[in-house]
Amino acid sequence: MGIFRKKKIKENLEFSEYKTHEKRQGLLTAFDKMEYFVFEEKSDEHMFSLCDTLLKGKPVLANFDKVENANDCNYMLAFISGVVYALEGQAIKLGSRLFLFAGKEELEDGSLLQYVEDIK
């Protein structure tokens, strides 16, 4: 009778809920990689910078509150939404002029969707 006897170690542990064929690049979640952009006016250069960030695999939180012209906002949203569509991602409206843009891979870990649920 031993209190401190050796436990049998199970071999061949399987975790069906995790993707075994893909290795995580690090401990950072998609939420940790997220970048924040504030638009003050219609700026193609700033918009292209946001799109480059999306293409690099980072989600983006974009704030259009300071843009006064609604047509300028719609122009930029249409262009950015096209990039998100090409990445098979989503554009999620969080506020009247606050949007979250992310590609398909960034949405897979669930941290961004949890963030959206926490905000709403």
N, C-alpha and C. Protein backbone atom coordinates (compact mmCIF):
# COMPACT_ATOMS: atom_id res chain seq x y z
N MET A 1 0.84 -1.16 0.00
CA MET A 1 0.00 0.00 0.00
C MET A 1 0.89 1.24 0.00
N GLY A 2 0.83 1.94 -1.09
CA GLY A 2 1.67 3.11 -1.19
C GLY A 2 0.88 4.35 -1.57
N ILE A 3 1.13 5.37 -0.86
CA ILE A 3 0.47 6.64 -1.17
C ILE A 3 1.12 7.29 -2.38
N PHE A 4 2.42 7.10 -2.50
CA PHE A 4 3.17 7.76 -3.56
C PHE A 4 3.60 6.77 -4.64
N ARG A 5 2.70 5.97 -5.10
CA ARG A 5 3.10 5.03 -6.14
C ARG A 5 3.03 5.70 -7.51
N LYS A 6 3.72 5.11 -8.44
CA LYS A 6 3.83 5.67 -9.78
C LYS A 6 2.50 5.52 -10.52
N LYS A 7 2.12 6.57 -11.21
CA LYS A 7 0.92 6.50 -12.03
C LYS A 7 1.30 5.97 -13.40
N LYS A 8 0.38 5.24 -13.97
CA LYS A 8 0.61 4.76 -15.33
C LYS A 8 0.36 5.92 -16.30
N ILE A 9 1.29 6.10 -17.20
CA ILE A 9 1.19 7.17 -18.18
C ILE A 9 0.52 6.63 -19.43
N LYS A 10 -0.53 7.32 -19.85
CA LYS A 10 -1.22 6.91 -21.07
C LYS A 10 -0.39 7.33 -22.27
N GLU A 11 -0.27 6.44 -23.18
CA GLU A 11 0.43 6.76 -24.42
C GLU A 11 -0.61 7.01 -25.50
N ASN A 12 -0.20 7.69 -26.54
CA ASN A 12 -1.06 7.99 -27.68
C ASN A 12 -2.27 8.82 -27.28
N LEU A 13 -2.04 9.91 -26.60
CA LEU A 13 -3.12 10.81 -26.27
C LEU A 13 -3.62 11.49 -27.54
N GLU A 14 -4.91 11.60 -27.67
CA GLU A 14 -5.49 12.23 -28.84
C GLU A 14 -6.40 13.36 -28.40
N PHE A 15 -6.24 14.48 -29.05
CA PHE A 15 -7.10 15.62 -28.79
C PHE A 15 -7.81 15.96 -30.10
N SER A 16 -9.04 15.55 -30.22
CA SER A 16 -9.75 15.73 -31.48
C SER A 16 -10.15 17.19 -31.71
N GLU A 17 -10.27 17.97 -30.64
CA GLU A 17 -10.71 19.34 -30.82
C GLU A 17 -9.60 20.26 -31.32
N TYR A 18 -8.37 19.83 -31.27
CA TYR A 18 -7.26 20.65 -31.73
C TYR A 18 -6.79 20.17 -33.09
N LYS A 19 -6.30 21.10 -33.86
CA LYS A 19 -5.76 20.75 -35.17
C LYS A 19 -4.34 20.24 -34.98
N THR A 20 -4.12 18.98 -35.26
CA THR A 20 -2.79 18.41 -35.04
C THR A 20 -1.86 18.67 -36.22
N HIS A 21 -2.42 18.97 -37.39
CA HIS A 21 -1.57 19.15 -38.56
C HIS A 21 -0.98 20.55 -38.65
N GLU A 22 -1.49 21.48 -37.86
CA GLU A 22 -0.96 22.84 -37.89
C GLU A 22 -0.31 23.17 -36.56
N LYS A 23 0.87 23.75 -36.63
CA LYS A 23 1.55 24.18 -35.42
C LYS A 23 1.31 25.67 -35.24
N ARG A 24 1.08 26.08 -34.03
CA ARG A 24 0.91 27.51 -33.75
C ARG A 24 2.25 28.20 -33.90
N GLN A 25 2.22 29.39 -34.43
CA GLN A 25 3.45 30.13 -34.64
C GLN A 25 4.00 30.69 -33.34
N GLY A 26 3.20 30.80 -32.35
CA GLY A 26 3.65 31.34 -31.08
C GLY A 26 2.50 31.31 -30.09
N LEU A 27 2.69 31.98 -29.01
CA LEU A 27 1.66 32.01 -27.99
C LEU A 27 0.69 33.17 -28.18
N LEU A 28 0.91 34.01 -29.16
CA LEU A 28 0.03 35.15 -29.38
C LEU A 28 -1.24 34.73 -30.10
N THR A 29 -2.36 35.24 -29.64
CA THR A 29 -3.63 35.01 -30.33
C THR A 29 -3.83 36.10 -31.37
N ALA A 30 -4.86 35.94 -32.18
CA ALA A 30 -5.16 36.95 -33.18
C ALA A 30 -5.52 38.28 -32.51
N PHE A 31 -6.15 38.22 -31.35
CA PHE A 31 -6.48 39.44 -30.61
C PHE A 31 -5.21 40.19 -30.20
N ASP A 32 -4.18 39.45 -29.82
CA ASP A 32 -2.92 40.08 -29.41
C ASP A 32 -2.20 40.75 -30.58
N LYS A 33 -2.41 40.25 -31.78
CA LYS A 33 -1.75 40.78 -32.97
C LYS A 33 -2.51 41.96 -33.59
N MET A 34 -3.72 42.24 -33.10
CA MET A 34 -4.59 43.24 -33.70
C MET A 34 -3.96 44.64 -33.67
N GLU A 35 -4.14 45.36 -34.78
CA GLU A 35 -3.66 46.74 -34.88
C GLU A 35 -4.85 47.69 -34.98
N TYR A 36 -4.64 48.92 -34.55
CA TYR A 36 -5.71 49.92 -34.47
C TYR A 36 -5.41 51.08 -35.42
N PHE A 37 -6.39 51.44 -36.25
CA PHE A 37 -6.25 52.54 -37.19
C PHE A 37 -7.35 53.56 -36.92
N VAL A 38 -6.98 54.83 -36.92
CA VAL A 38 -7.94 55.93 -36.79
C VAL A 38 -7.87 56.75 -38.07
N PHE A 39 -9.02 56.88 -38.75
CA PHE A 39 -9.08 57.67 -39.97
C PHE A 39 -9.65 59.04 -39.64
N GLU A 40 -8.95 60.09 -40.08
CA GLU A 40 -9.42 61.45 -39.86
C GLU A 40 -9.96 62.07 -41.14
N GLU A 41 -9.54 61.55 -42.27
CA GLU A 41 -10.00 62.01 -43.57
C GLU A 41 -9.79 60.89 -44.59
N LYS A 42 -10.32 61.10 -45.78
CA LYS A 42 -10.12 60.12 -46.84
C LYS A 42 -8.65 60.15 -47.26
N SER A 43 -7.96 59.05 -46.98
CA SER A 43 -6.54 58.96 -47.29
C SER A 43 -6.26 57.59 -47.90
N ASP A 44 -5.95 57.60 -49.20
CA ASP A 44 -5.65 56.33 -49.86
C ASP A 44 -4.41 55.68 -49.27
N GLU A 45 -3.43 56.49 -48.92
CA GLU A 45 -2.19 55.95 -48.36
C GLU A 45 -2.43 55.24 -47.03
N HIS A 46 -3.25 55.84 -46.18
CA HIS A 46 -3.59 55.24 -44.88
C HIS A 46 -4.42 53.97 -45.09
N MET A 47 -5.33 54.03 -46.07
CA MET A 47 -6.17 52.88 -46.38
C MET A 47 -5.32 51.71 -46.92
N PHE A 48 -4.37 52.00 -47.78
CA PHE A 48 -3.49 50.96 -48.31
C PHE A 48 -2.62 50.36 -47.21
N SER A 49 -2.22 51.17 -46.26
CA SER A 49 -1.44 50.68 -45.12
C SER A 49 -2.27 49.69 -44.30
N LEU A 50 -3.55 50.02 -44.10
CA LEU A 50 -4.45 49.10 -43.40
C LEU A 50 -4.58 47.78 -44.16
N CYS A 51 -4.74 47.87 -45.47
CA CYS A 51 -4.87 46.66 -46.29
C CYS A 51 -3.59 45.82 -46.27
N ASP A 52 -2.44 46.47 -46.26
CA ASP A 52 -1.17 45.74 -46.15
C ASP A 52 -1.09 44.99 -44.82
N THR A 53 -1.58 45.62 -43.77
CA THR A 53 -1.60 44.97 -42.45
C THR A 53 -2.48 43.73 -42.49
N LEU A 54 -3.63 43.83 -43.15
CA LEU A 54 -4.52 42.67 -43.29
C LEU A 54 -3.85 41.56 -44.09
N LEU A 55 -3.16 41.94 -45.15
CA LEU A 55 -2.50 40.94 -46.00
C LEU A 55 -1.33 40.27 -45.28
N LYS A 56 -0.77 40.93 -44.27
CA LYS A 56 0.30 40.33 -43.47
C LYS A 56 -0.23 39.35 -42.44
N GLY A 57 -1.55 39.25 -42.32
CA GLY A 57 -2.14 38.29 -41.39
C GLY A 57 -2.46 38.85 -40.03
N LYS A 58 -2.66 40.15 -39.94
CA LYS A 58 -3.01 40.77 -38.66
C LYS A 58 -4.41 41.36 -38.76
N PRO A 59 -5.25 41.14 -37.77
CA PRO A 59 -6.57 41.77 -37.77
C PRO A 59 -6.44 43.27 -37.48
N VAL A 60 -7.46 44.02 -37.91
CA VAL A 60 -7.41 45.47 -37.78
C VAL A 60 -8.72 45.98 -37.19
N LEU A 61 -8.60 46.86 -36.21
CA LEU A 61 -9.73 47.58 -35.65
C LEU A 61 -9.65 49.00 -36.21
N ALA A 62 -10.65 49.40 -37.01
CA ALA A 62 -10.61 50.69 -37.69
C ALA A 62 -11.70 51.60 -37.17
N ASN A 63 -11.32 52.83 -36.87
CA ASN A 63 -12.23 53.84 -36.34
C ASN A 63 -12.40 54.95 -37.37
N PHE A 64 -13.63 55.16 -37.83
CA PHE A 64 -13.93 56.17 -38.83
C PHE A 64 -14.70 57.35 -38.23
N ASP A 65 -14.69 57.53 -36.92
CA ASP A 65 -15.46 58.58 -36.25
C ASP A 65 -15.09 59.98 -36.69
N LYS A 66 -13.84 60.22 -36.98
CA LYS A 66 -13.39 61.57 -37.30
C LYS A 66 -13.56 61.94 -38.77
N VAL A 67 -14.00 61.00 -39.60
CA VAL A 67 -14.25 61.29 -41.02
C VAL A 67 -15.65 61.88 -41.12
N GLU A 68 -15.74 63.10 -41.59
CA GLU A 68 -17.04 63.79 -41.60
C GLU A 68 -17.91 63.40 -42.78
N ASN A 69 -17.32 63.16 -43.93
CA ASN A 69 -18.08 62.85 -45.13
C ASN A 69 -18.41 61.36 -45.18
N ALA A 70 -19.69 61.04 -45.24
CA ALA A 70 -20.13 59.64 -45.27
C ALA A 70 -19.70 58.95 -46.56
N ASN A 71 -19.64 59.68 -47.67
CA ASN A 71 -19.21 59.07 -48.93
C ASN A 71 -17.76 58.62 -48.87
N ASP A 72 -16.93 59.38 -48.18
CA ASP A 72 -15.53 58.99 -48.01
C ASP A 72 -15.42 57.70 -47.19
N CYS A 73 -16.23 57.61 -46.15
CA CYS A 73 -16.26 56.38 -45.33
C CYS A 73 -16.69 55.18 -46.16
N ASN A 74 -17.75 55.38 -46.96
CA ASN A 74 -18.25 54.28 -47.78
C ASN A 74 -17.22 53.83 -48.81
N TYR A 75 -16.50 54.79 -49.39
CA TYR A 75 -15.45 54.47 -50.36
C TYR A 75 -14.37 53.59 -49.73
N MET A 76 -13.90 54.02 -48.55
CA MET A 76 -12.84 53.26 -47.88
C MET A 76 -13.34 51.91 -47.39
N LEU A 77 -14.56 51.86 -46.87
CA LEU A 77 -15.12 50.58 -46.41
C LEU A 77 -15.30 49.60 -47.56
N ALA A 78 -15.71 50.10 -48.72
CA ALA A 78 -15.88 49.22 -49.88
C ALA A 78 -14.55 48.62 -50.32
N PHE A 79 -13.51 49.44 -50.34
CA PHE A 79 -12.20 48.95 -50.75
C PHE A 79 -11.65 47.93 -49.76
N ILE A 80 -11.72 48.27 -48.47
CA ILE A 80 -11.20 47.37 -47.43
C ILE A 80 -12.01 46.07 -47.39
N SER A 81 -13.32 46.17 -47.60
CA SER A 81 -14.16 44.97 -47.61
C SER A 81 -13.79 44.05 -48.77
N GLY A 82 -13.35 44.63 -49.88
CA GLY A 82 -12.89 43.81 -51.00
C GLY A 82 -11.64 43.02 -50.65
N VAL A 83 -10.74 43.63 -49.92
CA VAL A 83 -9.53 42.93 -49.47
C VAL A 83 -9.91 41.82 -48.49
N VAL A 84 -10.83 42.12 -47.58
CA VAL A 84 -11.27 41.12 -46.60
C VAL A 84 -11.96 39.95 -47.32
N TYR A 85 -12.74 40.24 -48.35
CA TYR A 85 -13.40 39.19 -49.13
C TYR A 85 -12.36 38.30 -49.81
N ALA A 86 -11.31 38.90 -50.33
CA ALA A 86 -10.25 38.13 -50.98
C ALA A 86 -9.54 37.21 -49.98
N LEU A 87 -9.50 37.62 -48.71
CA LEU A 87 -8.88 36.80 -47.66
C LEU A 87 -9.87 35.81 -47.04
N GLU A 88 -11.09 35.78 -47.56
CA GLU A 88 -12.17 34.93 -47.05
C GLU A 88 -12.46 35.23 -45.57
N GLY A 89 -12.34 36.50 -45.21
CA GLY A 89 -12.52 36.92 -43.83
C GLY A 89 -13.86 37.57 -43.59
N GLN A 90 -13.91 38.39 -42.56
CA GLN A 90 -15.14 39.07 -42.18
C GLN A 90 -14.85 40.52 -41.82
N ALA A 91 -15.84 41.36 -42.08
CA ALA A 91 -15.84 42.74 -41.60
C ALA A 91 -16.99 42.84 -40.61
N ILE A 92 -16.67 43.12 -39.36
CA ILE A 92 -17.68 43.12 -38.30
C ILE A 92 -17.85 44.55 -37.80
N LYS A 93 -19.11 45.01 -37.80
CA LYS A 93 -19.41 46.36 -37.32
C LYS A 93 -19.59 46.31 -35.81
N LEU A 94 -18.75 47.06 -35.08
CA LEU A 94 -18.80 47.07 -33.62
C LEU A 94 -19.50 48.30 -33.08
N GLY A 95 -19.51 49.37 -33.83
CA GLY A 95 -20.15 50.61 -33.42
C GLY A 95 -20.65 51.33 -34.66
N SER A 96 -21.09 52.57 -34.49
CA SER A 96 -21.61 53.30 -35.65
C SER A 96 -20.53 53.51 -36.71
N ARG A 97 -19.30 53.73 -36.28
CA ARG A 97 -18.19 53.91 -37.23
C ARG A 97 -16.94 53.16 -36.77
N LEU A 98 -17.13 52.04 -36.12
CA LEU A 98 -16.02 51.22 -35.63
C LEU A 98 -16.16 49.82 -36.22
N PHE A 99 -15.11 49.35 -36.91
CA PHE A 99 -15.17 48.08 -37.62
C PHE A 99 -13.96 47.22 -37.27
N LEU A 100 -14.19 45.92 -37.25
CA LEU A 100 -13.13 44.94 -37.08
C LEU A 100 -13.00 44.17 -38.39
N PHE A 101 -11.80 44.16 -38.96
CA PHE A 101 -11.51 43.44 -40.20
C PHE A 101 -10.52 42.34 -39.89
N ALA A 102 -10.81 41.13 -40.40
CA ALA A 102 -9.90 40.01 -40.17
C ALA A 102 -10.05 38.99 -41.28
N GLY A 103 -8.96 38.31 -41.58
CA GLY A 103 -8.97 37.23 -42.55
C GLY A 103 -9.45 35.93 -41.92
N LYS A 104 -9.59 34.92 -42.74
CA LYS A 104 -10.10 33.62 -42.29
C LYS A 104 -9.22 33.00 -41.20
N GLU A 105 -7.91 33.04 -41.38
CA GLU A 105 -6.99 32.41 -40.43
C GLU A 105 -7.02 33.09 -39.06
N GLU A 106 -7.21 34.41 -39.07
CA GLU A 106 -7.23 35.12 -37.80
C GLU A 106 -8.49 34.82 -36.99
N LEU A 107 -9.56 34.46 -37.66
CA LEU A 107 -10.82 34.17 -36.97
C LEU A 107 -10.88 32.76 -36.41
N GLU A 108 -9.95 31.89 -36.82
CA GLU A 108 -10.02 30.48 -36.43
C GLU A 108 -9.75 30.23 -34.96
N ASP A 109 -8.91 31.03 -34.31
CA ASP A 109 -8.60 30.74 -32.91
C ASP A 109 -9.70 31.18 -31.95
N GLY A 110 -10.64 31.99 -32.39
CA GLY A 110 -11.78 32.35 -31.57
C GLY A 110 -11.59 33.56 -30.67
N SER A 111 -10.38 34.09 -30.58
CA SER A 111 -10.14 35.22 -29.68
C SER A 111 -10.82 36.50 -30.17
N LEU A 112 -10.88 36.69 -31.49
CA LEU A 112 -11.54 37.89 -32.02
C LEU A 112 -13.05 37.81 -31.85
N LEU A 113 -13.61 36.63 -32.08
CA LEU A 113 -15.06 36.48 -31.92
C LEU A 113 -15.45 36.63 -30.45
N GLN A 114 -14.59 36.19 -29.55
CA GLN A 114 -14.85 36.39 -28.12
C GLN A 114 -14.81 37.88 -27.78
N TYR A 115 -13.88 38.60 -28.39
CA TYR A 115 -13.79 40.05 -28.19
C TYR A 115 -15.07 40.74 -28.67
N VAL A 116 -15.59 40.31 -29.81
CA VAL A 116 -16.82 40.90 -30.35
C VAL A 116 -17.99 40.63 -29.40
N GLU A 117 -18.08 39.42 -28.88
CA GLU A 117 -19.15 39.09 -27.94
C GLU A 117 -19.03 39.90 -26.66
N ASP A 118 -17.82 40.13 -26.20
CA ASP A 118 -17.61 40.89 -24.97
C ASP A 118 -18.00 42.36 -25.14
N ILE A 119 -17.78 42.91 -26.33
CA ILE A 119 -18.09 44.32 -26.58
C ILE A 119 -19.59 44.54 -26.71
N LYS A 120 -20.28 43.63 -27.37
CA LYS A 120 -21.72 43.82 -27.63
C LYS A 120 -22.54 43.51 -26.45
